[in-house]
Amino acid sequence: MMSELLPRHLESELEHALRSAKVVNIVGPRQVGKTTLVRDLLKKGNFITLDDENVLAALEADPKGQLDALIGEMPSGPLIIDEAQRSKKLALAIKRTVDENRNMGQFVLTGSSNIFTSSQVADSLAGRVQTMTMFPLSMAETRRMGPARILDWASAEDGPDPAALPKPEAKSRADYIEMILAGGFPEIRNLDAPQRRRRYRNYIDSVVERDVADVLKIRKSDTMRRLIDQLAARVGNELNVESLNNQFNGVQRKTIETYMDILTKLSLLQRLAAWTSGETGRDIKHPKVHLVDTGIASALRSMNSQSFNIDANPTALGGLFENYVHNELAKSLPFQKQEWRLYHWRYDKGREIDIIAEADRTIVGFEMKTSTLVEEDDFRHLRWFRDNGPGKTWNAIGIVVYMGDRLLSFGKNMFALPLSAFWSFPA
């Protein structure tokens, strides 16, 4: 029922984009809720899906004629085309249509990959297409709360004020672990654990068999599937392509790099670039690996709540926790007042910061701790970065995200935030 649909933060961005762009292009992995957003939450326009083979065949046979006919049938716009990446001729037909019409909000497209990637189409449509990425549900969306404006709070003109941060929800370590394992895919996250893991593994199989083929015809689908497993085991870690390639006998490194590019285009893989200070030879520049959802990563590694008992390997949870926080931050970026970019940082002397958010000479550094307690020593890299390292010429704020339930201050611009702070802001 409509009342049961979870609100999506991207809905307000979509409404704004329809007033300022001729074409709105929503890309993101399959089953994250793109169709629900444009068909059920938007509540306007004419909806077609290219999953319908008859519609796809007609569009491929006469793309411009079909678009003109569909637009002519509509009482009002936009024309919504779901699974747009399945058509090879749609992009040019849309270009011809919007060249003839000055109205905003003519088309809304959804797909697992961006159809406006060729230089010919992209250049000619510059300024007329707004592309946005839709991710799995954020925890704030599942709680019907507002976007996590933690970066706005941290970069306030007078500095971050603990009293200005909404009170975080009290959660146990076990609660947090279950959230990480469940992930954010709307139709999968609430299943019981064994079925959920099975569905996530089946989901990856279907992506390899279908969505990957929309981007590039690959000859070794088994290699792609094994690559995703290897990446799941490396989330939160720096990417060493040579070491990764050594896991695949007889497969060229170029093939592995091409496959990772495909996974990036499908929004399944995110490579977090290294932040550099400009001090030659001091910064380590390998990117980090994050998957789009920790539910997928944990299912591919056959992890459950018992995998993180007190006697378990702590590094396994650390990588997933870091991946989870990265994803929650990435989902919040469109809703901050400033344009933020995310990085990680590692120094040649062993110092590192898990995530760095940068905007307008401000840096917010995030370190992760999979514990319910935080100590002064947990801030050593953040303090050194701010006081003696490359952050000393920046406005630098340090945050340790942990599995407790209270906001704690550790001196000027140094804070411990519970993970639940990411869903504490009102809608």
Protein backbone atom coordinates (compact mmCIF):
# COMPACT_ATOMS: atom_id res chain seq x y z
CA MET A 1 0.00 0.00 0.00
CA MET A 2 1.11 3.54 -0.71
CA SER A 3 1.08 4.51 2.97
CA GLU A 4 3.62 1.78 3.67
CA LEU A 5 6.21 3.15 1.27
CA LEU A 6 9.26 4.57 2.98
CA PRO A 7 10.01 8.18 2.04
CA ARG A 8 13.22 8.69 0.08
CA HIS A 9 15.38 11.74 0.64
CA LEU A 10 16.07 11.91 -3.10
CA GLU A 11 12.41 12.74 -3.72
CA SER A 12 12.91 16.43 -2.93
CA GLU A 13 16.02 16.53 -5.13
CA LEU A 14 14.04 14.96 -7.97
CA GLU A 15 11.26 17.55 -7.67
CA HIS A 16 13.82 20.35 -7.77
CA ALA A 17 15.64 18.81 -10.75
CA LEU A 18 12.41 18.60 -12.76
CA ARG A 19 12.12 22.38 -12.48
CA SER A 20 15.70 23.05 -13.59
CA ALA A 21 16.65 20.37 -16.14
CA LYS A 22 15.04 18.96 -19.27
CA VAL A 23 16.15 15.42 -18.45
CA VAL A 24 16.59 13.89 -15.00
CA ASN A 25 18.68 10.75 -15.04
CA ILE A 26 18.57 8.52 -11.93
CA VAL A 27 21.21 5.79 -11.86
CA GLY A 28 21.87 3.17 -9.23
CA PRO A 29 21.98 -0.56 -8.62
CA ARG A 30 18.96 -2.71 -9.37
CA GLN A 31 16.31 -3.02 -6.61
CA VAL A 32 17.36 0.03 -4.56
CA GLY A 33 13.96 1.68 -5.12
CA LYS A 34 14.35 3.73 -8.31
CA THR A 35 11.11 2.42 -9.83
CA THR A 36 9.18 3.01 -6.60
CA LEU A 37 10.49 6.58 -6.46
CA VAL A 38 9.51 7.57 -10.00
CA ARG A 39 6.29 5.56 -10.29
CA ASP A 40 4.74 5.60 -6.82
CA LEU A 41 6.31 8.51 -4.90
CA LEU A 42 6.55 11.06 -7.74
CA LYS A 43 2.85 10.61 -8.63
CA LYS A 44 3.02 12.36 -11.99
CA GLY A 45 3.88 11.69 -15.63
CA ASN A 46 3.59 8.66 -17.92
CA PHE A 47 5.52 5.54 -16.87
CA ILE A 48 6.97 2.89 -19.20
CA THR A 49 9.56 0.23 -18.51
CA LEU A 50 12.04 -1.24 -20.96
CA ASP A 51 11.86 -4.48 -19.00
CA ASP A 52 8.80 -4.97 -21.23
CA GLU A 53 10.32 -6.62 -24.29
CA ASN A 54 7.55 -5.34 -26.59
CA VAL A 55 8.10 -1.74 -25.50
CA LEU A 56 11.85 -2.15 -25.89
CA ALA A 57 11.51 -3.64 -29.39
CA ALA A 58 9.22 -0.82 -30.52
CA LEU A 59 11.55 1.82 -29.14
CA GLU A 60 14.59 0.29 -30.82
CA ALA A 61 12.74 0.07 -34.16
CA ASP A 62 11.64 3.73 -34.18
CA PRO A 63 13.02 5.59 -31.13
CA LYS A 64 12.09 9.16 -32.08
CA GLY A 65 8.66 8.16 -33.38
CA GLN A 66 7.86 6.19 -30.23
CA LEU A 67 8.95 9.05 -27.96
CA ASP A 68 6.81 11.52 -29.92
CA ALA A 69 3.81 9.17 -29.67
CA LEU A 70 4.25 8.61 -25.94
CA ILE A 71 4.64 12.32 -25.25
CA GLY A 72 1.57 13.08 -27.38
CA GLU A 73 -0.55 10.72 -25.27
CA MET A 74 0.36 12.40 -21.97
CA PRO A 75 -1.90 14.95 -20.27
CA SER A 76 1.22 16.29 -18.54
CA GLY A 77 4.89 15.36 -18.18
CA PRO A 78 7.34 13.94 -17.54
CA LEU A 79 7.78 10.79 -19.60
CA ILE A 80 9.31 8.28 -17.18
CA ILE A 81 11.44 5.55 -18.78
CA ASP A 82 12.46 2.76 -16.41
CA GLU A 83 15.50 0.54 -17.13
CA ALA A 84 16.66 3.03 -19.75
CA GLN A 85 20.08 1.38 -20.12
CA ARG A 86 18.50 -1.50 -22.04
CA SER A 87 18.06 0.70 -25.15
CA LYS A 88 21.07 1.50 -27.32
CA LYS A 89 19.23 4.19 -29.31
CA LEU A 90 17.38 6.08 -26.60
CA ALA A 91 20.03 8.69 -25.78
CA LEU A 92 20.20 10.17 -29.27
CA ALA A 93 16.40 10.13 -29.62
CA ILE A 94 16.06 12.06 -26.35
CA LYS A 95 18.67 14.54 -27.56
CA ARG A 96 16.62 15.24 -30.69
CA THR A 97 13.44 15.63 -28.65
CA VAL A 98 14.82 18.10 -26.10
CA ASP A 99 16.50 20.07 -28.92
CA GLU A 100 12.99 20.75 -30.23
CA ASN A 101 11.40 21.62 -26.86
CA ARG A 102 12.53 24.16 -24.28
CA ASN A 103 10.36 22.89 -21.42
CA MET A 104 11.94 21.66 -18.20
CA GLY A 105 11.20 18.21 -16.78
CA GLN A 106 10.48 16.44 -20.06
CA PHE A 107 12.05 13.08 -19.15
CA VAL A 108 12.88 11.06 -16.06
CA LEU A 109 15.11 8.07 -16.72
CA THR A 110 16.15 5.29 -14.38
CA GLY A 111 18.74 2.61 -14.92
CA SER A 112 21.63 0.68 -13.49
CA SER A 113 24.07 2.63 -15.67
CA ASN A 114 24.24 6.05 -17.29
CA ILE A 115 23.10 6.08 -20.94
CA PHE A 116 24.63 9.53 -21.51
CA THR A 117 28.24 8.39 -21.46
CA SER A 118 29.30 8.78 -25.08
CA SER A 119 31.13 12.04 -25.67
CA GLN A 120 28.84 12.94 -28.58
CA VAL A 121 25.67 12.79 -26.49
CA ALA A 122 27.15 14.03 -23.22
CA ASP A 123 28.69 17.14 -24.78
CA SER A 124 25.56 18.08 -26.73
CA LEU A 125 23.31 17.67 -23.67
CA ALA A 126 25.59 19.51 -21.25
CA GLY A 127 23.45 21.62 -18.94
CA ARG A 128 20.23 19.89 -19.94
CA VAL A 129 20.64 16.60 -18.06
CA GLN A 130 20.89 16.28 -14.29
CA THR A 131 22.18 12.91 -13.16
CA MET A 132 21.73 11.72 -9.59
CA THR A 133 22.70 8.44 -7.97
CA MET A 134 20.24 6.46 -5.88
CA PHE A 135 21.67 4.15 -3.23
CA PRO A 136 20.03 1.55 -0.98
CA LEU A 137 18.03 2.91 1.94
CA SER A 138 19.92 4.94 4.49
CA MET A 139 19.19 4.13 8.11
CA ALA A 140 17.63 7.59 8.43
CA GLU A 141 15.15 6.71 5.68
CA THR A 142 14.21 3.44 7.37
CA ARG A 143 13.53 5.45 10.56
CA ARG A 144 11.59 8.12 8.60
CA MET A 145 14.12 10.70 9.75
CA GLY A 146 15.84 13.47 7.82
CA PRO A 147 19.20 13.23 6.03
CA ALA A 148 22.30 13.02 8.23
CA ARG A 149 23.55 16.61 8.30
CA ILE A 150 26.60 15.77 10.35
CA LEU A 151 28.94 17.61 7.95
CA ASP A 152 26.81 20.77 8.23
CA TRP A 153 26.98 20.45 12.02
CA ALA A 154 30.75 19.85 12.06
CA SER A 155 31.49 22.79 9.75
CA ALA A 156 29.27 25.36 11.46
CA GLU A 157 30.73 28.87 11.34
CA ASP A 158 31.28 29.02 15.10
CA GLY A 159 32.45 25.43 15.29
CA PRO A 160 30.49 22.27 16.07
CA ASP A 161 28.23 22.73 19.09
CA PRO A 162 27.34 19.50 20.93
CA ALA A 163 24.08 21.06 22.05
CA ALA A 164 23.07 21.61 18.40
CA LEU A 165 23.29 17.91 17.52
CA PRO A 166 19.97 16.06 17.99
CA LYS A 167 20.05 13.43 20.71
CA PRO A 168 21.11 10.10 19.16
CA GLU A 169 19.01 6.98 19.57
CA ALA A 170 20.33 4.52 22.16
CA LYS A 171 21.43 1.29 20.48
CA SER A 172 23.50 -1.69 21.60
CA ARG A 173 26.53 -3.09 19.80
CA ALA A 174 24.39 -6.08 18.77
CA ASP A 175 21.79 -3.70 17.28
CA TYR A 176 24.44 -1.95 15.21
CA ILE A 177 25.86 -5.23 13.96
CA GLU A 178 22.41 -6.39 12.85
CA MET A 179 21.96 -3.14 10.87
CA ILE A 180 25.28 -3.69 9.12
CA LEU A 181 24.36 -7.28 8.26
CA ALA A 182 20.85 -6.36 7.07
CA GLY A 183 21.96 -3.71 4.60
CA GLY A 184 19.61 -1.28 2.88
CA PHE A 185 17.91 -3.06 -0.04
CA PRO A 186 14.18 -2.47 0.52
CA GLU A 187 12.94 -5.96 -0.38
CA ILE A 188 15.76 -7.88 1.33
CA ARG A 189 16.79 -6.08 4.53
CA ASN A 190 13.89 -7.31 6.68
CA LEU A 191 14.13 -11.00 5.75
CA ASP A 192 15.38 -13.51 8.31
CA ALA A 193 19.16 -13.89 8.25
CA PRO A 194 19.57 -17.13 6.21
CA GLN A 195 17.07 -16.05 3.55
CA ARG A 196 18.56 -12.58 3.47
CA ARG A 197 22.06 -13.90 2.79
CA ARG A 198 20.70 -16.16 0.06
CA ARG A 199 18.81 -13.30 -1.59
CA TYR A 200 21.86 -11.04 -1.58
CA ARG A 201 23.99 -13.75 -3.19
CA ASN A 202 21.28 -14.35 -5.80
CA TYR A 203 21.13 -10.62 -6.37
CA ILE A 204 24.82 -10.50 -7.26
CA ASP A 205 24.37 -13.47 -9.61
CA SER A 206 21.58 -11.63 -11.43
CA VAL A 207 23.66 -8.45 -11.68
CA VAL A 208 26.51 -10.39 -13.31
CA GLU A 209 24.17 -12.20 -15.69
CA ARG A 210 22.08 -9.19 -16.69
CA ASP A 211 23.22 -5.71 -15.68
CA VAL A 212 26.86 -6.25 -16.54
CA ALA A 213 25.82 -7.33 -20.03
CA ASP A 214 24.07 -3.96 -20.54
CA VAL A 215 27.44 -2.24 -20.11
CA LEU A 216 29.84 -4.67 -21.78
CA LYS A 217 29.73 -8.17 -23.20
CA ILE A 218 32.11 -10.09 -20.97
CA ARG A 219 33.51 -13.50 -21.80
CA LYS A 220 34.31 -14.67 -18.28
CA SER A 221 31.28 -14.12 -16.08
CA ASP A 222 32.72 -16.55 -13.53
CA THR A 223 35.74 -14.26 -13.18
CA MET A 224 33.46 -11.27 -12.59
CA ARG A 225 31.55 -13.19 -9.93
CA ARG A 226 34.78 -14.25 -8.17
CA LEU A 227 36.07 -10.68 -8.38
CA ILE A 228 33.03 -9.39 -6.47
CA ASP A 229 33.70 -12.00 -3.76
CA GLN A 230 37.31 -10.84 -3.51
CA LEU A 231 36.25 -7.18 -3.29
CA ALA A 232 33.76 -8.04 -0.53
CA ALA A 233 36.64 -9.49 1.48
CA ARG A 234 38.60 -6.24 1.04
CA VAL A 235 36.02 -3.58 2.00
CA GLY A 236 37.54 -0.80 4.06
CA ASN A 237 41.04 -1.71 2.86
CA GLU A 238 43.35 -0.14 0.32
CA LEU A 239 43.11 -1.56 -3.17
CA ASN A 240 46.22 -3.32 -4.44
CA VAL A 241 45.30 -4.35 -7.98
CA GLU A 242 48.41 -6.50 -8.43
CA SER A 243 47.66 -8.49 -5.27
CA LEU A 244 44.02 -8.78 -6.33
CA ASN A 245 44.97 -9.96 -9.80
CA ASN A 246 47.16 -12.69 -8.30
CA GLN A 247 43.97 -14.41 -7.15
CA PHE A 248 43.01 -15.08 -10.78
CA ASN A 249 45.33 -17.44 -12.64
CA GLY A 250 45.47 -16.74 -16.35
CA VAL A 251 43.48 -13.48 -16.18
CA GLN A 252 45.21 -10.32 -17.35
CA ARG A 253 45.40 -7.35 -15.01
CA LYS A 254 43.73 -5.21 -17.68
CA THR A 255 40.69 -7.51 -17.56
CA ILE A 256 40.41 -7.15 -13.79
CA GLU A 257 40.67 -3.36 -14.09
CA THR A 258 37.98 -3.34 -16.81
CA TYR A 259 35.67 -5.43 -14.64
CA MET A 260 36.16 -3.07 -11.70
CA ASP A 261 35.31 -0.14 -13.98
CA ILE A 262 32.07 -1.92 -14.92
CA LEU A 263 31.17 -2.47 -11.27
CA THR A 264 31.86 1.22 -10.61
CA LYS A 265 29.59 2.26 -13.51
CA LEU A 266 26.88 0.05 -12.03
CA SER A 267 27.34 1.85 -8.66
CA LEU A 268 28.14 -1.45 -6.92
CA LEU A 269 31.80 -0.59 -6.27
CA GLN A 270 33.13 2.67 -4.89
CA ARG A 271 36.83 3.42 -4.86
CA LEU A 272 37.55 6.01 -2.20
CA ALA A 273 40.44 8.12 -3.49
CA ALA A 274 43.39 9.05 -1.31
CA TRP A 275 43.56 12.63 -0.04
CA THR A 276 46.93 14.17 -0.77
CA SER A 277 48.62 16.98 1.12
CA GLY A 278 51.08 17.94 -1.59
CA GLU A 279 54.04 16.76 0.49
CA THR A 280 55.89 14.72 -2.14
CA GLY A 281 56.48 11.13 -1.18
CA ARG A 282 54.69 11.34 2.17
CA ASP A 283 51.11 10.42 1.28
CA ILE A 284 50.13 6.87 0.28
CA LYS A 285 47.89 7.17 -2.78
CA HIS A 286 46.10 3.81 -3.13
CA PRO A 287 42.28 4.06 -3.13
CA LYS A 288 40.15 2.16 -0.66
CA VAL A 289 37.43 -0.31 -1.63
CA HIS A 290 33.79 0.00 -0.54
CA LEU A 291 30.77 -1.93 -1.81
CA VAL A 292 27.46 -0.16 -2.20
CA ASP A 293 25.89 -2.12 0.65
CA THR A 294 27.21 -3.97 3.69
CA GLY A 295 24.35 -6.45 3.47
CA ILE A 296 25.85 -7.67 0.19
CA ALA A 297 29.40 -7.67 1.53
CA SER A 298 28.54 -9.66 4.66
CA ALA A 299 26.35 -12.14 2.75
CA LEU A 300 29.11 -12.86 0.23
CA ARG A 301 31.43 -13.54 3.18
CA SER A 302 28.80 -15.78 4.88
CA MET A 303 28.85 -13.59 7.99
CA ASN A 304 26.21 -13.56 10.70
CA SER A 305 25.93 -12.02 14.16
CA GLN A 306 28.07 -14.80 15.64
CA SER A 307 30.90 -13.83 13.29
CA PHE A 308 31.60 -10.84 15.54
CA ASN A 309 31.65 -12.47 18.97
CA ILE A 310 34.30 -11.34 21.42
CA ASP A 311 36.70 -14.10 20.28
CA ALA A 312 36.30 -13.33 16.56
CA ASN A 313 38.76 -11.52 14.29
CA PRO A 314 38.12 -7.79 15.00
CA THR A 315 39.40 -6.66 11.59
CA ALA A 316 36.44 -8.30 9.81
CA LEU A 317 33.90 -6.10 11.58
CA GLY A 318 36.19 -3.07 11.29
CA GLY A 319 36.13 -3.14 7.49
CA LEU A 320 32.36 -3.60 7.33
CA PHE A 321 31.79 -0.85 9.90
CA GLU A 322 33.97 1.54 7.93
CA ASN A 323 32.13 0.60 4.71
CA TYR A 324 28.80 1.23 6.46
CA VAL A 325 29.77 4.69 7.73
CA HIS A 326 31.20 5.61 4.32
CA ASN A 327 27.92 4.67 2.65
CA GLU A 328 25.82 6.62 5.15
CA LEU A 329 28.02 9.67 4.57
CA ALA A 330 27.85 9.29 0.78
CA LYS A 331 24.04 9.10 0.90
CA SER A 332 23.95 12.34 2.91
CA LEU A 333 26.16 14.45 0.61
CA PRO A 334 23.42 15.89 -1.67
CA PHE A 335 21.65 17.34 1.37
CA GLN A 336 24.53 19.32 2.92
CA LYS A 337 24.84 23.07 2.44
CA GLN A 338 28.29 22.73 0.87
CA GLU A 339 29.71 20.46 -1.83
CA TRP A 340 31.72 17.81 -0.01
CA ARG A 341 34.08 15.19 -1.41
CA LEU A 342 35.11 12.03 0.42
CA TYR A 343 38.64 10.60 0.61
CA HIS A 344 40.83 8.55 2.92
CA TRP A 345 44.34 9.44 4.05
CA ARG A 346 47.44 7.50 4.99
CA TYR A 347 50.91 8.83 5.77
CA ASP A 348 54.17 7.02 5.19
CA LYS A 349 54.84 6.93 8.96
CA GLY A 350 51.81 4.74 9.62
CA ARG A 351 49.34 7.48 10.43
CA GLU A 352 45.93 7.23 8.76
CA ILE A 353 42.39 8.54 8.81
CA ASP A 354 39.59 6.26 7.62
CA ILE A 355 37.49 8.91 5.87
CA ILE A 356 38.18 12.57 5.11
CA ALA A 357 35.40 14.92 4.00
CA GLU A 358 36.66 18.11 2.34
CA ALA A 359 34.84 21.32 1.41
CA ASP A 360 35.97 24.94 1.19
CA ARG A 361 39.19 24.65 3.23
CA THR A 362 37.41 22.57 5.88
CA ILE A 363 38.28 18.95 6.62
CA VAL A 364 36.23 16.60 8.76
CA GLY A 365 38.15 13.45 9.56
CA PHE A 366 36.33 10.26 10.59
CA GLU A 367 37.89 7.35 12.44
CA MET A 368 35.92 4.18 13.26
CA LYS A 369 35.87 2.14 16.44
CA THR A 370 33.84 -1.04 16.79
CA SER A 371 33.48 -0.66 20.52
CA THR A 372 31.06 0.91 22.98
CA LEU A 373 33.94 2.81 24.63
CA VAL A 374 36.16 5.61 23.31
CA GLU A 375 39.52 6.67 24.72
CA GLU A 376 41.82 9.65 24.24
CA ASP A 377 44.25 7.50 22.26
CA ASP A 378 41.59 6.90 19.60
CA PHE A 379 42.12 10.52 18.49
CA ARG A 380 45.91 10.35 18.08
CA HIS A 381 45.92 10.36 14.27
CA LEU A 382 43.21 13.03 14.06
CA ARG A 383 45.07 15.28 16.52
CA TRP A 384 48.41 14.86 14.78
CA PHE A 385 46.83 15.57 11.40
CA ARG A 386 45.27 18.78 12.77
CA ASP A 387 48.12 20.06 14.94
CA ASN A 388 51.31 18.87 13.26
CA GLY A 389 50.35 17.29 9.95
CA PRO A 390 48.90 18.52 6.66
CA GLY A 391 45.65 19.61 8.32
CA LYS A 392 47.29 22.42 10.29
CA THR A 393 46.56 24.95 7.54
CA TRP A 394 42.93 23.83 7.32
CA ASN A 395 39.89 24.13 9.54
CA ALA A 396 40.07 20.53 10.77
CA ILE A 397 37.51 18.67 12.87
CA GLY A 398 37.97 15.12 14.16
CA ILE A 399 35.20 12.59 14.77
CA VAL A 400 35.44 9.04 16.09
CA VAL A 401 32.31 7.06 15.17
CA TYR A 402 31.70 4.29 17.68
CA MET A 403 29.07 1.77 18.81
CA GLY A 404 27.97 3.58 21.94
CA ASP A 405 24.97 5.83 22.56
CA ARG A 406 26.34 9.22 23.68
CA LEU A 407 28.03 12.20 22.06
CA LEU A 408 31.33 12.84 23.86
CA SER A 409 33.74 15.77 23.60
CA PHE A 410 37.51 15.18 23.67
CA GLY A 411 38.74 18.78 23.50
CA LYS A 412 38.38 21.48 20.89
CA ASN A 413 36.77 20.15 17.70
CA MET A 414 37.29 16.51 18.70
CA PHE A 415 34.16 14.42 19.23
CA ALA A 416 33.03 10.84 19.61
CA LEU A 417 29.69 10.25 17.89
CA PRO A 418 27.56 7.13 18.20
CA LEU A 419 26.64 5.57 14.88
CA SER A 420 23.01 6.41 15.61
CA ALA A 421 23.84 10.11 15.13
CA PHE A 422 23.43 9.40 11.41
CA TRP A 423 19.69 9.00 11.87
CA SER A 424 19.08 11.54 14.62
CA PHE A 425 18.11 14.54 12.47
CA PRO A 426 14.37 15.26 12.15
CA ALA A 427 12.70 15.00 8.76
